[in-house]
Amino acid sequence: MLRTRGVIDYGAGSTVFLTEDGRKLVTITQAVTEEGLHRQIASMLSSSQANIMRVLFAQRGEPSTREELAQACDVSAKSSGFEKNLSSLRSLKLIDYGPQSTVFAVDDLFLTSGEQ
């Protein structure tokens, strides 16, 4: 989605970088907080993807089953839209999958206690 918009591109290995157009969209006018980071990420996603991420942000990286996550998002765990959103978020490296059909936000999305 972000690559299609021309905001990011892929580099060597598994690196991702902002394009010139992407850098024009980013303005940092104050210290980055975890809450601000989460808001910024959510603003770049579809509303359904942002809803999923808000639930996972609140869980602070703790895994949730797909069923629990879907229920918290008020959608069906079996819907193709929910599955596609999870797949897209994983492709963006915002979430990952754990054992027994669990989903969690990746650690890089949470600042350590000294950085907040």
N, C-alpha and C. Protein backbone atom coordinates (compact mmCIF):
# COMPACT_ATOMS: atom_id res chain seq x y z
N MET A 1 0.82 -1.19 0.00
CA MET A 1 0.00 0.00 0.00
C MET A 1 0.87 1.27 0.00
N LEU A 2 1.88 1.33 0.89
CA LEU A 2 2.72 2.52 0.93
C LEU A 2 3.63 2.60 -0.29
N ARG A 3 4.07 1.44 -0.76
CA ARG A 3 4.91 1.44 -1.96
C ARG A 3 4.07 1.86 -3.17
N THR A 4 2.85 1.38 -3.24
CA THR A 4 1.96 1.76 -4.34
C THR A 4 1.74 3.26 -4.35
N ARG A 5 1.68 3.86 -3.18
CA ARG A 5 1.51 5.31 -3.07
C ARG A 5 2.79 6.08 -3.37
N GLY A 6 3.91 5.35 -3.51
CA GLY A 6 5.18 6.00 -3.79
C GLY A 6 5.84 6.62 -2.57
N VAL A 7 5.44 6.18 -1.38
CA VAL A 7 5.95 6.74 -0.14
C VAL A 7 7.21 6.00 0.33
N ILE A 8 7.27 4.70 0.07
CA ILE A 8 8.43 3.89 0.45
C ILE A 8 8.90 3.10 -0.76
N ASP A 9 10.12 2.58 -0.62
CA ASP A 9 10.63 1.64 -1.61
C ASP A 9 11.50 0.64 -0.86
N TYR A 10 11.84 -0.44 -1.53
CA TYR A 10 12.62 -1.50 -0.91
C TYR A 10 14.06 -1.42 -1.38
N GLY A 11 14.97 -1.65 -0.44
CA GLY A 11 16.39 -1.65 -0.76
C GLY A 11 16.94 -3.06 -0.69
N ALA A 12 18.24 -3.15 -0.50
CA ALA A 12 18.91 -4.44 -0.43
C ALA A 12 18.44 -5.22 0.80
N GLY A 13 18.40 -6.53 0.66
CA GLY A 13 17.98 -7.37 1.78
C GLY A 13 16.54 -7.09 2.15
N SER A 14 16.32 -6.82 3.41
CA SER A 14 14.96 -6.55 3.87
C SER A 14 14.78 -5.10 4.30
N THR A 15 15.57 -4.19 3.73
CA THR A 15 15.47 -2.79 4.12
C THR A 15 14.35 -2.08 3.37
N VAL A 16 13.80 -1.10 4.03
CA VAL A 16 12.75 -0.26 3.48
C VAL A 16 13.18 1.18 3.71
N PHE A 17 12.94 2.05 2.74
CA PHE A 17 13.30 3.44 2.94
C PHE A 17 12.23 4.36 2.38
N LEU A 18 12.20 5.58 2.90
CA LEU A 18 11.28 6.59 2.40
C LEU A 18 11.77 7.11 1.05
N THR A 19 10.86 7.30 0.15
CA THR A 19 11.19 7.94 -1.12
C THR A 19 11.22 9.45 -0.89
N GLU A 20 11.59 10.19 -1.92
CA GLU A 20 11.57 11.65 -1.81
C GLU A 20 10.16 12.14 -1.47
N ASP A 21 9.15 11.56 -2.12
CA ASP A 21 7.76 11.92 -1.81
C ASP A 21 7.41 11.55 -0.38
N GLY A 22 7.90 10.42 0.10
CA GLY A 22 7.65 9.99 1.47
C GLY A 22 8.26 10.95 2.48
N ARG A 23 9.48 11.41 2.20
CA ARG A 23 10.14 12.36 3.11
C ARG A 23 9.38 13.68 3.19
N LYS A 24 8.73 14.07 2.09
CA LYS A 24 7.95 15.31 2.10
C LYS A 24 6.75 15.21 3.03
N LEU A 25 6.26 13.98 3.26
CA LEU A 25 5.10 13.79 4.12
C LEU A 25 5.46 13.74 5.60
N VAL A 26 6.73 13.55 5.90
CA VAL A 26 7.16 13.38 7.28
C VAL A 26 7.69 14.69 7.83
N THR A 27 7.11 15.12 8.92
CA THR A 27 7.62 16.29 9.62
C THR A 27 7.73 15.93 11.09
N ILE A 28 8.91 16.10 11.62
CA ILE A 28 9.12 15.85 13.04
C ILE A 28 9.38 17.20 13.69
N THR A 29 8.45 17.66 14.46
CA THR A 29 8.56 18.98 15.08
C THR A 29 8.77 18.88 16.59
N GLN A 30 8.70 17.67 17.12
CA GLN A 30 8.92 17.50 18.54
C GLN A 30 9.50 16.11 18.78
N ALA A 31 9.88 15.86 20.01
CA ALA A 31 10.44 14.56 20.35
C ALA A 31 9.43 13.46 20.04
N VAL A 32 9.93 12.35 19.56
CA VAL A 32 9.08 11.22 19.23
C VAL A 32 8.68 10.49 20.50
N THR A 33 7.40 10.26 20.66
CA THR A 33 6.89 9.47 21.78
C THR A 33 6.31 8.19 21.20
N GLU A 34 6.15 7.22 22.04
CA GLU A 34 5.54 5.98 21.58
C GLU A 34 4.12 6.23 21.07
N GLU A 35 3.37 7.01 21.79
CA GLU A 35 2.00 7.33 21.37
C GLU A 35 2.00 8.06 20.03
N GLY A 36 2.93 9.00 19.86
CA GLY A 36 3.03 9.72 18.60
C GLY A 36 3.42 8.81 17.45
N LEU A 37 4.34 7.89 17.72
CA LEU A 37 4.74 6.92 16.71
C LEU A 37 3.55 6.07 16.29
N HIS A 38 2.78 5.61 17.26
CA HIS A 38 1.60 4.79 16.97
C HIS A 38 0.56 5.57 16.17
N ARG A 39 0.35 6.83 16.53
CA ARG A 39 -0.60 7.67 15.79
C ARG A 39 -0.15 7.86 14.35
N GLN A 40 1.15 8.10 14.18
CA GLN A 40 1.69 8.32 12.83
C GLN A 40 1.54 7.06 11.98
N ILE A 41 1.85 5.92 12.55
CA ILE A 41 1.70 4.66 11.82
C ILE A 41 0.24 4.44 11.44
N ALA A 42 -0.66 4.62 12.40
CA ALA A 42 -2.08 4.41 12.14
C ALA A 42 -2.59 5.35 11.04
N SER A 43 -2.06 6.56 10.99
CA SER A 43 -2.52 7.53 9.99
C SER A 43 -2.13 7.13 8.57
N MET A 44 -1.18 6.23 8.43
CA MET A 44 -0.70 5.82 7.11
C MET A 44 -1.37 4.53 6.63
N LEU A 45 -2.26 3.98 7.44
CA LEU A 45 -2.92 2.71 7.12
C LEU A 45 -4.39 2.93 6.78
N SER A 46 -5.00 1.91 6.22
CA SER A 46 -6.45 1.97 6.02
C SER A 46 -7.12 1.98 7.40
N SER A 47 -8.38 2.37 7.47
CA SER A 47 -9.05 2.43 8.77
C SER A 47 -9.13 1.05 9.42
N SER A 48 -9.35 0.00 8.63
CA SER A 48 -9.42 -1.35 9.20
C SER A 48 -8.05 -1.80 9.72
N GLN A 49 -6.99 -1.50 8.98
CA GLN A 49 -5.65 -1.85 9.43
C GLN A 49 -5.27 -1.05 10.68
N ALA A 50 -5.62 0.23 10.69
CA ALA A 50 -5.33 1.07 11.85
C ALA A 50 -6.06 0.56 13.09
N ASN A 51 -7.29 0.09 12.91
CA ASN A 51 -8.06 -0.46 14.02
C ASN A 51 -7.35 -1.70 14.59
N ILE A 52 -6.88 -2.57 13.73
CA ILE A 52 -6.13 -3.75 14.17
C ILE A 52 -4.90 -3.31 14.95
N MET A 53 -4.16 -2.34 14.41
CA MET A 53 -2.93 -1.90 15.07
C MET A 53 -3.22 -1.23 16.41
N ARG A 54 -4.30 -0.48 16.52
CA ARG A 54 -4.64 0.15 17.81
C ARG A 54 -4.85 -0.91 18.89
N VAL A 55 -5.53 -1.99 18.52
CA VAL A 55 -5.74 -3.09 19.48
C VAL A 55 -4.40 -3.70 19.86
N LEU A 56 -3.55 -3.96 18.87
CA LEU A 56 -2.26 -4.58 19.15
C LEU A 56 -1.31 -3.63 19.89
N PHE A 57 -1.37 -2.34 19.60
CA PHE A 57 -0.56 -1.37 20.35
C PHE A 57 -0.94 -1.42 21.83
N ALA A 58 -2.22 -1.48 22.11
CA ALA A 58 -2.70 -1.51 23.50
C ALA A 58 -2.22 -2.77 24.22
N GLN A 59 -1.97 -3.83 23.47
CA GLN A 59 -1.50 -5.08 24.09
C GLN A 59 0.02 -5.10 24.25
N ARG A 60 0.69 -4.08 23.77
CA ARG A 60 2.13 -3.89 23.95
C ARG A 60 2.96 -5.11 23.57
N GLY A 61 2.64 -5.69 22.42
CA GLY A 61 3.43 -6.80 21.92
C GLY A 61 3.02 -8.17 22.41
N GLU A 62 2.04 -8.20 23.30
CA GLU A 62 1.57 -9.50 23.79
C GLU A 62 0.73 -10.16 22.70
N PRO A 63 0.88 -11.45 22.51
CA PRO A 63 0.12 -12.12 21.45
C PRO A 63 -1.36 -12.23 21.76
N SER A 64 -2.13 -12.23 20.70
CA SER A 64 -3.58 -12.38 20.77
C SER A 64 -3.96 -13.40 19.71
N THR A 65 -4.93 -14.25 19.99
CA THR A 65 -5.37 -15.15 18.93
C THR A 65 -6.09 -14.33 17.87
N ARG A 66 -6.16 -14.88 16.68
CA ARG A 66 -6.86 -14.18 15.60
C ARG A 66 -8.31 -13.93 15.98
N GLU A 67 -8.91 -14.90 16.67
CA GLU A 67 -10.31 -14.76 17.08
C GLU A 67 -10.47 -13.62 18.08
N GLU A 68 -9.57 -13.54 19.07
CA GLU A 68 -9.64 -12.46 20.06
C GLU A 68 -9.43 -11.11 19.39
N LEU A 69 -8.46 -11.05 18.49
CA LEU A 69 -8.17 -9.80 17.79
C LEU A 69 -9.36 -9.37 16.93
N ALA A 70 -9.92 -10.30 16.19
CA ALA A 70 -11.07 -9.98 15.35
C ALA A 70 -12.24 -9.49 16.19
N GLN A 71 -12.47 -10.15 17.32
CA GLN A 71 -13.57 -9.75 18.20
C GLN A 71 -13.34 -8.33 18.72
N ALA A 72 -12.11 -8.03 19.11
CA ALA A 72 -11.78 -6.68 19.61
C ALA A 72 -11.95 -5.63 18.51
N CYS A 73 -11.79 -6.05 17.26
CA CYS A 73 -11.95 -5.13 16.12
C CYS A 73 -13.37 -5.14 15.56
N ASP A 74 -14.23 -5.96 16.14
CA ASP A 74 -15.62 -6.07 15.72
C ASP A 74 -15.76 -6.53 14.27
N VAL A 75 -14.94 -7.54 13.91
CA VAL A 75 -15.02 -8.16 12.59
C VAL A 75 -14.97 -9.67 12.76
N SER A 76 -15.27 -10.39 11.69
CA SER A 76 -15.20 -11.85 11.72
C SER A 76 -13.77 -12.30 11.46
N ALA A 77 -13.29 -13.22 12.28
CA ALA A 77 -11.95 -13.77 12.10
C ALA A 77 -11.84 -14.55 10.81
N LYS A 78 -12.96 -14.95 10.26
CA LYS A 78 -12.96 -15.76 9.04
C LYS A 78 -13.14 -14.93 7.78
N SER A 79 -13.31 -13.62 7.93
CA SER A 79 -13.53 -12.79 6.74
C SER A 79 -12.23 -12.64 5.95
N SER A 80 -12.37 -12.61 4.65
CA SER A 80 -11.19 -12.46 3.80
C SER A 80 -10.54 -11.09 4.00
N GLY A 81 -11.34 -10.08 4.29
CA GLY A 81 -10.80 -8.74 4.53
C GLY A 81 -9.89 -8.70 5.74
N PHE A 82 -10.30 -9.38 6.81
CA PHE A 82 -9.48 -9.44 8.03
C PHE A 82 -8.15 -10.14 7.72
N GLU A 83 -8.21 -11.25 7.03
CA GLU A 83 -7.00 -12.00 6.67
C GLU A 83 -6.09 -11.18 5.77
N LYS A 84 -6.67 -10.46 4.80
CA LYS A 84 -5.86 -9.63 3.91
C LYS A 84 -5.20 -8.49 4.67
N ASN A 85 -5.93 -7.91 5.63
CA ASN A 85 -5.34 -6.84 6.43
C ASN A 85 -4.18 -7.35 7.27
N LEU A 86 -4.33 -8.53 7.87
CA LEU A 86 -3.23 -9.11 8.64
C LEU A 86 -2.03 -9.37 7.73
N SER A 87 -2.29 -9.90 6.56
CA SER A 87 -1.21 -10.19 5.62
C SER A 87 -0.47 -8.91 5.22
N SER A 88 -1.23 -7.86 4.95
CA SER A 88 -0.61 -6.57 4.58
C SER A 88 0.22 -6.01 5.73
N LEU A 89 -0.31 -6.08 6.94
CA LEU A 89 0.43 -5.57 8.11
C LEU A 89 1.70 -6.38 8.35
N ARG A 90 1.64 -7.67 8.10
CA ARG A 90 2.84 -8.50 8.24
C ARG A 90 3.85 -8.16 7.15
N SER A 91 3.39 -7.92 5.94
CA SER A 91 4.29 -7.53 4.85
C SER A 91 4.99 -6.21 5.17
N LEU A 92 4.30 -5.33 5.88
CA LEU A 92 4.88 -4.05 6.30
C LEU A 92 5.77 -4.21 7.53
N LYS A 93 5.85 -5.42 8.04
CA LYS A 93 6.66 -5.76 9.23
C LYS A 93 6.19 -5.02 10.49
N LEU A 94 4.87 -4.78 10.56
CA LEU A 94 4.28 -4.18 11.75
C LEU A 94 3.79 -5.24 12.72
N ILE A 95 3.43 -6.41 12.19
CA ILE A 95 2.98 -7.52 13.03
C ILE A 95 3.73 -8.78 12.64
N ASP A 96 3.60 -9.77 13.50
CA ASP A 96 4.12 -11.09 13.17
C ASP A 96 3.18 -12.12 13.76
N TYR A 97 3.37 -13.35 13.34
CA TYR A 97 2.53 -14.45 13.80
C TYR A 97 3.32 -15.31 14.79
N GLY A 98 2.61 -15.79 15.79
CA GLY A 98 3.20 -16.69 16.76
C GLY A 98 2.54 -18.06 16.69
N PRO A 99 2.85 -18.89 17.67
CA PRO A 99 2.26 -20.24 17.68
C PRO A 99 0.75 -20.18 17.92
N GLN A 100 0.07 -21.20 17.50
CA GLN A 100 -1.36 -21.38 17.74
C GLN A 100 -2.20 -20.21 17.25
N SER A 101 -1.89 -19.76 16.03
CA SER A 101 -2.66 -18.70 15.37
C SER A 101 -2.69 -17.39 16.14
N THR A 102 -1.58 -17.04 16.80
CA THR A 102 -1.53 -15.76 17.50
C THR A 102 -0.91 -14.69 16.61
N VAL A 103 -1.21 -13.45 16.96
CA VAL A 103 -0.75 -12.27 16.24
C VAL A 103 -0.24 -11.28 17.27
N PHE A 104 0.84 -10.57 16.95
CA PHE A 104 1.34 -9.55 17.87
C PHE A 104 2.04 -8.44 17.11
N ALA A 105 2.06 -7.25 17.70
CA ALA A 105 2.81 -6.13 17.14
C ALA A 105 4.29 -6.37 17.41
N VAL A 106 5.14 -6.06 16.43
CA VAL A 106 6.57 -6.31 16.58
C VAL A 106 7.18 -5.38 17.63
N ASP A 107 8.25 -5.86 18.25
CA ASP A 107 8.91 -5.13 19.34
C ASP A 107 9.38 -3.74 18.95
N ASP A 108 9.78 -3.55 17.69
CA ASP A 108 10.32 -2.25 17.27
C ASP A 108 9.30 -1.12 17.38
N LEU A 109 8.04 -1.44 17.58
CA LEU A 109 7.00 -0.41 17.68
C LEU A 109 6.82 0.13 19.09
N PHE A 110 7.62 -0.39 20.02
CA PHE A 110 7.50 0.02 21.41
C PHE A 110 8.83 0.55 21.90
N LEU A 111 8.82 1.77 22.39
CA LEU A 111 10.03 2.38 22.93
C LEU A 111 10.32 1.80 24.30
N THR A 112 11.59 1.74 24.65
CA THR A 112 11.92 1.27 26.00
C THR A 112 11.50 2.33 26.99
N SER A 113 11.35 1.94 28.24
CA SER A 113 10.81 2.86 29.26
C SER A 113 11.61 4.14 29.39
N GLY A 114 12.92 4.09 29.15
CA GLY A 114 13.74 5.29 29.27
C GLY A 114 13.57 6.26 28.12
N GLU A 115 12.97 5.84 27.01
CA GLU A 115 12.86 6.68 25.83
C GLU A 115 11.50 7.37 25.70
N GLN A 116 10.53 6.98 26.51
CA GLN A 116 9.19 7.56 26.34
C GLN A 116 9.17 8.95 26.79
